[in-house]
Amino acid sequence: MRGETQSSTMTSPQAEPVSSGERKALDIDAFRQMIAVERKRTERTMAPFLLMLLEITNKGRQDEAGKAFDCILSVLMASTRDTDVVGWYKERAVVGAMFTGLVGCDKQSVTEAIVGKVSSALQGEMAAEQFEAVTISCHFFPDDWDSDKPCRQNNPNLYPDLLNNNRERLPRLMVKRAIDILGSALFLILCSPVFLLIALAVRMSSKGPIFFRQRRVGQYGQCFTFLKFRSMYANSDNSVHKEFVAQLIARKPGDESSNGNAKQVYKLTNDKRITPLGGFLRRSSLDELPQLLNVLLGDMSLVGPRPPIPYELAAYQTWHRRRLLDVKPGITGLWQVMGRSSVKFDEMVRLDLRYAMSWTLWLDLRILVRTPLAVIRGSGAY
């Protein structure tokens, strides 16, 4: 048997054997749906789960492989608790088992304990040659994220339902991408005189590059270089913003009056790092124009959630991370047309999730039409 662990483990509650006759293995649709249910439960309770996938690498004859899978299912059903979930992850190809309600903090020891128990049970029921052909991989939810290693793809094994959804809406996604390409190219051509004037103004207003380049986290945790017109003095310290973001995400916006604004605002205001020209560019959202290049390159879309900075992602709660999964980040979105910086962080995330769940091409068009009015009003822009 070959073992493969991707996201180590913790200490599991004592398992009570359950007779395979008392419950049945779930089919592929039901099992994958249960993965989505357990993710949401973990987001609420913070109790992680382990997804174990078992595959036969050398399937040989179909009937022999079928017998081996039946044996695996029988062993799993007999050696897991009734709160654990067993079923087909891929029909007649990969068997899955979810060990839920795990406690403790030593992920490595939990994984080793669960894999050891399952391996011993399989060895007792399978021939040595059969057992050697079984590959076990383990995947923990939630993944550990930190500011040192924020840019990595989410483990796709934990999101089969999302991948299936994206396959189902592939034709609409292709249309969305075509609109992004045509729209960003058209906007770049139409705005090229403004683009050149701003570039010249930024160059003349203060020392430093014309563009501000920053690493941002896109869909599925992939990083890309985010572009804006530079609105700050060169080599500005980001520690103030980093601290503010941590407080904001922890629902502690701080004393707004210290920012010179008695109104409830959820963005750093009166930032001394911003140049006089930069203040105007931010209020008018003209500093965002270079992101049309990000859209053209495929890192972003015209409409979608805003891409976070790595240290923002490190401060996210587990449920906040869902805003990075379903859709690409965008230049504008529901948050931008419904209050911008006057919207609390958790409410912003809920708007992003609402957009992802109800996304249609018609919704994108409505948001794009409302964006110019939101920019002209300047409400919540700093």
Protein backbone atom coordinates (compact mmCIF):
# COMPACT_ATOMS: atom_id res chain seq x y z
CA MET A 1 0.00 0.00 0.00
CA ARG A 2 1.20 3.47 -0.81
CA GLY A 3 0.27 6.33 1.48
CA GLU A 4 0.16 9.98 0.50
CA THR A 5 -0.76 12.76 2.94
CA GLN A 6 -1.58 16.28 1.78
CA SER A 7 -2.42 18.41 4.83
CA SER A 8 -1.43 16.50 7.90
CA THR A 9 -3.70 15.61 10.99
CA MET A 10 -5.14 15.55 14.54
CA THR A 11 -6.38 13.34 17.29
CA SER A 12 -9.59 11.53 16.49
CA PRO A 13 -12.36 10.47 18.86
CA GLN A 14 -12.45 6.73 19.60
CA ALA A 15 -14.23 5.01 16.76
CA GLU A 16 -17.11 2.67 17.49
CA PRO A 17 -17.32 -0.19 14.96
CA VAL A 18 -20.47 -0.13 12.86
CA SER A 19 -21.76 -3.16 11.01
CA SER A 20 -21.74 -2.68 7.25
CA GLY A 21 -25.34 -3.89 7.25
CA GLU A 22 -26.52 -0.86 9.24
CA ARG A 23 -25.73 1.72 6.60
CA LYS A 24 -24.79 1.89 2.95
CA ALA A 25 -22.00 3.63 1.08
CA LEU A 26 -23.17 6.82 -0.62
CA ASP A 27 -23.20 7.15 -4.38
CA ILE A 28 -20.91 9.70 -6.02
CA ASP A 29 -23.41 12.59 -6.07
CA ALA A 30 -24.48 12.12 -2.46
CA PHE A 31 -20.89 11.72 -1.22
CA ARG A 32 -19.65 14.83 -2.99
CA GLN A 33 -22.61 16.77 -1.65
CA MET A 34 -21.69 15.63 1.86
CA ILE A 35 -18.20 17.07 1.38
CA ALA A 36 -19.83 20.46 0.74
CA VAL A 37 -22.04 20.02 3.82
CA GLU A 38 -19.05 19.15 6.02
CA ARG A 39 -17.12 22.18 4.76
CA LYS A 40 -19.97 24.43 5.86
CA ARG A 41 -20.22 22.65 9.21
CA THR A 42 -16.49 23.18 9.77
CA GLU A 43 -16.87 26.87 8.93
CA ARG A 44 -19.42 27.15 11.75
CA THR A 45 -17.88 24.84 14.36
CA MET A 46 -14.16 25.04 13.46
CA ALA A 47 -13.99 21.26 13.97
CA PRO A 48 -11.93 20.00 10.99
CA PHE A 49 -12.49 16.82 9.02
CA LEU A 50 -10.21 14.45 7.16
CA LEU A 51 -11.05 13.26 3.66
CA MET A 52 -9.40 9.93 2.89
CA LEU A 53 -9.33 8.74 -0.72
CA LEU A 54 -8.53 5.13 -1.60
CA GLU A 55 -7.64 4.13 -5.14
CA ILE A 56 -6.39 0.90 -6.74
CA THR A 57 -3.41 1.80 -8.92
CA ASN A 58 -3.19 -1.54 -10.72
CA LYS A 59 -6.81 -2.39 -11.47
CA GLY A 60 -6.03 -5.40 -13.68
CA ARG A 61 -9.16 -7.34 -14.51
CA GLN A 62 -12.42 -5.47 -14.00
CA ASP A 63 -13.99 -8.17 -11.86
CA GLU A 64 -10.92 -8.35 -9.59
CA ALA A 65 -10.89 -4.57 -9.16
CA GLY A 66 -14.59 -4.68 -8.34
CA LYS A 67 -13.99 -7.27 -5.62
CA ALA A 68 -11.14 -5.17 -4.20
CA PHE A 69 -13.33 -2.04 -4.06
CA ASP A 70 -16.13 -4.01 -2.42
CA CYS A 71 -13.65 -5.19 0.21
CA ILE A 72 -12.45 -1.61 0.80
CA LEU A 73 -16.02 -0.38 1.24
CA SER A 74 -16.83 -3.24 3.61
CA VAL A 75 -13.76 -2.51 5.75
CA LEU A 76 -14.50 1.21 5.88
CA MET A 77 -18.14 0.68 6.79
CA ALA A 78 -17.16 -1.68 9.60
CA SER A 79 -14.31 0.39 11.03
CA THR A 80 -15.74 3.94 10.98
CA ARG A 81 -18.15 5.72 13.31
CA ASP A 82 -21.74 6.45 12.35
CA THR A 83 -20.80 10.15 12.23
CA ASP A 84 -18.20 9.42 9.53
CA VAL A 85 -19.20 9.28 5.86
CA VAL A 86 -18.23 6.59 3.34
CA GLY A 87 -19.01 6.56 -0.37
CA TRP A 88 -17.83 6.74 -3.95
CA TYR A 89 -15.65 9.77 -4.72
CA LYS A 90 -15.28 8.60 -8.34
CA GLU A 91 -17.63 5.89 -9.52
CA ARG A 92 -15.90 2.48 -9.41
CA ALA A 93 -12.53 4.25 -9.38
CA VAL A 94 -11.97 6.02 -6.02
CA VAL A 95 -13.58 5.34 -2.63
CA GLY A 96 -13.81 8.18 -0.11
CA ALA A 97 -14.20 8.34 3.66
CA MET A 98 -14.73 11.51 5.70
CA PHE A 99 -13.67 11.40 9.34
CA THR A 100 -15.58 14.23 10.99
CA GLY A 101 -15.60 16.00 14.35
CA LEU A 102 -11.85 15.68 14.86
CA VAL A 103 -10.40 17.28 17.98
CA GLY A 104 -6.94 18.28 19.14
CA CYS A 105 -4.23 20.15 17.27
CA ASP A 106 -1.70 17.55 16.10
CA LYS A 107 -2.80 16.90 12.55
CA GLN A 108 0.13 14.62 11.80
CA SER A 109 -0.62 12.18 14.61
CA VAL A 110 -4.33 12.05 13.75
CA THR A 111 -3.63 11.25 10.11
CA GLU A 112 -1.14 8.56 11.10
CA ALA A 113 -3.59 7.05 13.60
CA ILE A 114 -6.49 6.93 11.10
CA VAL A 115 -4.36 5.67 8.19
CA GLY A 116 -2.79 3.07 10.49
CA LYS A 117 -6.19 1.80 11.63
CA VAL A 118 -7.61 1.60 8.09
CA SER A 119 -4.43 -0.05 6.76
CA SER A 120 -4.48 -2.71 9.47
CA ALA A 121 -8.14 -3.49 8.76
CA LEU A 122 -7.46 -3.75 5.02
CA GLN A 123 -4.48 -6.03 5.56
CA GLY A 124 -6.71 -8.36 7.56
CA GLU A 125 -9.21 -8.67 4.71
CA MET A 126 -7.15 -8.43 1.51
CA ALA A 127 -4.44 -10.51 -0.07
CA ALA A 128 -0.95 -8.99 0.13
CA GLU A 129 -0.91 -8.30 -3.63
CA GLN A 130 -4.28 -6.55 -3.45
CA PHE A 131 -3.23 -4.46 -0.47
CA GLU A 132 -0.03 -3.30 -2.18
CA ALA A 133 -2.11 -1.92 -5.06
CA VAL A 134 -4.14 0.38 -2.76
CA THR A 135 -3.08 4.04 -2.59
CA ILE A 136 -4.36 6.21 0.27
CA SER A 137 -4.26 10.01 0.20
CA CYS A 138 -5.45 12.29 3.04
CA HIS A 139 -6.76 15.83 2.75
CA PHE A 140 -7.63 18.08 5.70
CA PHE A 141 -10.18 20.85 5.79
CA PRO A 142 -9.60 23.65 6.55
CA ASP A 143 -6.14 24.14 5.11
CA ASP A 144 -3.70 26.19 7.13
CA TRP A 145 -3.04 29.61 5.56
CA ASP A 146 -0.43 32.10 6.67
CA SER A 147 1.17 35.24 5.27
CA ASP A 148 4.39 33.38 4.42
CA LYS A 149 2.72 30.88 2.08
CA PRO A 150 -0.61 32.38 1.00
CA CYS A 151 -0.31 31.82 -2.71
CA ARG A 152 -1.16 28.23 -3.39
CA GLN A 153 -4.03 26.51 -5.08
CA ASN A 154 -6.85 25.26 -2.92
CA ASN A 155 -6.81 21.48 -2.70
CA PRO A 156 -9.24 20.51 -5.52
CA ASN A 157 -9.96 17.16 -3.84
CA LEU A 158 -11.91 19.06 -1.16
CA TYR A 159 -14.10 20.91 -3.70
CA PRO A 160 -15.47 18.36 -6.19
CA ASP A 161 -18.88 20.05 -6.08
CA LEU A 162 -17.43 23.41 -7.18
CA LEU A 163 -15.46 21.83 -10.01
CA ASN A 164 -18.62 20.07 -11.15
CA ASN A 165 -20.57 23.36 -11.02
CA ASN A 166 -17.92 25.05 -13.15
CA ARG A 167 -18.15 22.26 -15.73
CA GLU A 168 -21.93 22.66 -15.87
CA ARG A 169 -21.70 26.40 -16.45
CA LEU A 170 -18.68 26.24 -18.78
CA PRO A 171 -20.58 27.70 -21.78
CA ARG A 172 -21.61 30.76 -19.71
CA LEU A 173 -18.06 31.09 -18.33
CA MET A 174 -16.72 31.10 -21.89
CA VAL A 175 -19.14 33.91 -22.77
CA LYS A 176 -18.07 35.80 -19.62
CA ARG A 177 -14.41 35.44 -20.65
CA ALA A 178 -15.20 36.67 -24.17
CA ILE A 179 -16.96 39.72 -22.68
CA ASP A 180 -13.94 40.32 -20.43
CA ILE A 181 -11.53 40.25 -23.38
CA LEU A 182 -13.63 42.44 -25.65
CA GLY A 183 -14.69 44.79 -22.86
CA SER A 184 -11.21 45.33 -21.41
CA ALA A 185 -9.68 45.82 -24.87
CA LEU A 186 -12.41 48.34 -25.81
CA PHE A 187 -12.06 50.25 -22.53
CA LEU A 188 -8.27 50.38 -22.92
CA ILE A 189 -8.62 51.85 -26.42
CA LEU A 190 -11.29 54.38 -25.41
CA CYS A 191 -9.46 55.38 -22.22
CA SER A 192 -5.98 55.49 -23.75
CA PRO A 193 -5.83 59.35 -23.76
CA VAL A 194 -6.86 59.43 -20.08
CA PHE A 195 -4.46 56.58 -19.40
CA LEU A 196 -1.54 58.56 -20.86
CA LEU A 197 -2.49 61.78 -19.04
CA ILE A 198 -2.66 60.01 -15.67
CA ALA A 199 0.64 58.23 -16.31
CA LEU A 200 2.29 61.59 -17.05
CA ALA A 201 0.70 63.21 -13.98
CA VAL A 202 1.85 60.40 -11.69
CA ARG A 203 5.38 60.65 -13.07
CA MET A 204 5.52 64.41 -12.51
CA SER A 205 3.76 64.51 -9.11
CA SER A 206 6.25 62.46 -7.08
CA LYS A 207 9.26 60.21 -7.40
CA GLY A 208 8.61 56.58 -8.13
CA PRO A 209 7.15 54.29 -10.81
CA ILE A 210 3.94 55.05 -12.69
CA PHE A 211 2.35 51.71 -11.81
CA PHE A 212 1.90 50.22 -8.38
CA ARG A 213 2.50 46.47 -8.59
CA GLN A 214 1.30 44.25 -5.78
CA ARG A 215 0.94 40.53 -5.23
CA ARG A 216 -2.75 39.62 -4.87
CA VAL A 217 -4.51 36.29 -4.37
CA GLY A 218 -6.87 35.24 -7.14
CA GLN A 219 -9.26 32.37 -7.74
CA TYR A 220 -8.35 29.09 -6.00
CA GLY A 221 -5.50 30.82 -4.15
CA GLN A 222 -3.37 31.51 -7.23
CA CYS A 223 -1.31 34.70 -6.99
CA PHE A 224 -0.85 37.31 -9.68
CA THR A 225 0.64 40.79 -10.08
CA PHE A 226 -2.10 43.37 -9.48
CA LEU A 227 -1.76 46.72 -11.27
CA LYS A 228 -2.88 50.22 -10.27
CA PHE A 229 -1.69 53.73 -10.94
CA ARG A 230 0.61 54.62 -8.06
CA SER A 231 -1.29 56.75 -5.54
CA MET A 232 1.25 56.60 -2.68
CA TYR A 233 4.72 57.92 -2.12
CA ALA A 234 7.37 55.42 -3.20
CA ASN A 235 8.56 52.82 -0.68
CA SER A 236 5.68 53.48 1.74
CA ASP A 237 5.40 51.24 4.80
CA ASN A 238 2.36 48.93 4.71
CA SER A 239 2.41 48.08 8.44
CA VAL A 240 -0.34 50.62 9.22
CA HIS A 241 -2.64 49.13 6.62
CA LYS A 242 -1.76 45.60 7.69
CA GLU A 243 -2.74 46.33 11.29
CA PHE A 244 -5.94 48.09 10.22
CA VAL A 245 -6.97 45.15 8.02
CA ALA A 246 -6.42 42.68 10.87
CA GLN A 247 -8.67 44.78 13.13
CA LEU A 248 -11.26 45.20 10.39
CA ILE A 249 -11.53 41.48 9.66
CA ALA A 250 -11.69 40.77 13.40
CA ARG A 251 -14.69 43.16 13.49
CA LYS A 252 -12.74 45.88 15.27
CA PRO A 253 -12.69 48.78 12.81
CA GLY A 254 -11.11 50.98 15.48
CA ASP A 255 -11.85 54.57 16.34
CA GLU A 256 -13.04 56.13 13.10
CA SER A 257 -12.56 59.59 14.57
CA SER A 258 -8.82 58.90 14.71
CA ASN A 259 -8.94 58.85 10.93
CA GLY A 260 -10.56 62.26 10.93
CA ASN A 261 -13.96 60.94 9.99
CA ALA A 262 -16.88 60.60 12.41
CA LYS A 263 -18.85 58.60 9.88
CA GLN A 264 -18.71 54.82 10.13
CA VAL A 265 -16.10 53.92 7.54
CA TYR A 266 -14.44 50.55 6.97
CA LYS A 267 -11.38 51.70 5.12
CA LEU A 268 -8.23 53.49 6.22
CA THR A 269 -8.79 57.24 5.72
CA ASN A 270 -6.50 60.28 5.94
CA ASP A 271 -3.64 57.97 5.00
CA LYS A 272 -0.45 60.07 5.01
CA ARG A 273 1.18 57.71 2.53
CA ILE A 274 -1.15 58.92 -0.25
CA THR A 275 -0.01 61.74 -2.53
CA PRO A 276 -2.33 64.70 -3.32
CA LEU A 277 -2.81 63.36 -6.86
CA GLY A 278 -3.27 59.86 -5.44
CA GLY A 279 -6.15 61.07 -3.29
CA PHE A 280 -7.96 62.33 -6.38
CA LEU A 281 -7.23 59.15 -8.32
CA ARG A 282 -8.63 57.02 -5.50
CA ARG A 283 -11.79 59.09 -5.00
CA SER A 284 -12.49 58.95 -8.73
CA SER A 285 -11.39 55.28 -9.01
CA LEU A 286 -9.11 56.26 -11.91
CA ASP A 287 -6.24 54.48 -10.18
CA GLU A 288 -8.03 51.21 -11.06
CA LEU A 289 -7.73 51.63 -14.85
CA PRO A 290 -4.56 49.48 -15.23
CA GLN A 291 -6.53 46.50 -13.91
CA LEU A 292 -8.03 46.30 -17.38
CA LEU A 293 -4.67 44.74 -18.28
CA ASN A 294 -5.19 42.14 -15.53
CA VAL A 295 -8.58 41.35 -17.07
CA LEU A 296 -7.07 41.05 -20.55
CA LEU A 297 -4.41 38.67 -19.21
CA GLY A 298 -7.06 36.49 -17.54
CA ASP A 299 -6.07 37.08 -13.90
CA MET A 300 -9.26 39.05 -13.23
CA SER A 301 -12.73 39.62 -14.65
CA LEU A 302 -14.61 42.87 -15.18
CA VAL A 303 -17.04 41.78 -12.45
CA GLY A 304 -16.20 39.75 -9.35
CA PRO A 305 -14.91 39.95 -5.75
CA ARG A 306 -11.90 42.13 -5.04
CA PRO A 307 -8.65 40.10 -4.83
CA PRO A 308 -7.12 40.19 -1.32
CA ILE A 309 -3.55 40.99 -0.37
CA PRO A 310 -1.76 37.91 1.08
CA TYR A 311 -1.71 39.35 4.61
CA GLU A 312 -5.45 40.00 4.32
CA LEU A 313 -6.04 36.37 3.41
CA ALA A 314 -3.94 35.27 6.37
CA ALA A 315 -6.41 37.09 8.67
CA TYR A 316 -9.50 35.55 7.05
CA GLN A 317 -11.83 33.26 8.94
CA THR A 318 -12.47 29.93 7.22
CA TRP A 319 -15.80 31.00 5.72
CA HIS A 320 -14.29 34.20 4.31
CA ARG A 321 -12.09 32.13 1.98
CA ARG A 322 -15.08 30.93 0.00
CA ARG A 323 -15.11 34.28 -1.82
CA LEU A 324 -11.94 33.12 -3.64
CA LEU A 325 -13.38 29.88 -5.00
CA ASP A 326 -16.45 30.20 -7.20
CA VAL A 327 -15.51 33.12 -9.45
CA LYS A 328 -12.52 35.15 -10.59
CA PRO A 329 -11.75 38.41 -8.79
CA GLY A 330 -13.03 41.51 -10.54
CA ILE A 331 -12.63 45.26 -10.94
CA THR A 332 -16.19 45.93 -9.83
CA GLY A 333 -18.87 43.91 -8.03
CA LEU A 334 -21.88 44.01 -5.74
CA TRP A 335 -19.79 45.51 -2.93
CA GLN A 336 -18.60 48.40 -5.09
CA VAL A 337 -22.12 49.37 -6.23
CA MET A 338 -23.72 48.90 -2.79
CA GLY A 339 -21.71 51.11 -0.49
CA ARG A 340 -18.00 50.34 -0.94
CA SER A 341 -16.14 51.39 2.21
CA SER A 342 -19.32 52.01 4.19
CA VAL A 343 -20.00 48.24 4.16
CA LYS A 344 -18.62 46.09 6.99
CA PHE A 345 -16.11 43.41 6.03
CA ASP A 346 -18.38 40.46 6.85
CA GLU A 347 -21.18 42.06 4.86
CA MET A 348 -18.78 42.57 1.94
CA VAL A 349 -17.95 38.85 2.03
CA ARG A 350 -21.65 37.98 2.12
CA LEU A 351 -22.22 40.17 -0.94
CA ASP A 352 -19.39 38.36 -2.74
CA LEU A 353 -20.85 34.96 -1.81
CA ARG A 354 -24.30 36.12 -2.91
CA TYR A 355 -22.83 37.16 -6.25
CA ALA A 356 -21.04 33.82 -6.66
CA MET A 357 -24.17 31.80 -5.85
CA SER A 358 -26.54 33.80 -8.07
CA TRP A 359 -24.10 34.73 -10.84
CA THR A 360 -25.55 35.22 -14.31
CA LEU A 361 -24.41 37.21 -17.33
CA TRP A 362 -27.43 39.47 -16.77
CA LEU A 363 -26.26 40.20 -13.21
CA ASP A 364 -22.80 41.13 -14.55
CA LEU A 365 -24.40 43.55 -17.01
CA ARG A 366 -26.49 45.17 -14.27
CA ILE A 367 -23.40 45.65 -12.08
CA LEU A 368 -21.41 47.12 -14.98
CA VAL A 369 -24.23 49.57 -15.76
CA ARG A 370 -24.45 50.67 -12.10
CA THR A 371 -20.68 51.06 -11.65
CA PRO A 372 -20.26 54.47 -13.38
CA LEU A 373 -22.99 55.97 -11.16
CA ALA A 374 -21.28 54.55 -8.05
CA VAL A 375 -17.98 56.10 -9.20
CA ILE A 376 -19.57 59.49 -9.91
CA ARG A 377 -21.26 59.55 -6.51
CA GLY A 378 -17.96 58.61 -4.88
CA SER A 379 -19.77 57.19 -1.85
CA GLY A 380 -17.35 55.19 0.30
CA ALA A 381 -14.35 55.92 -1.94
CA TYR A 382 -11.06 56.92 -0.23
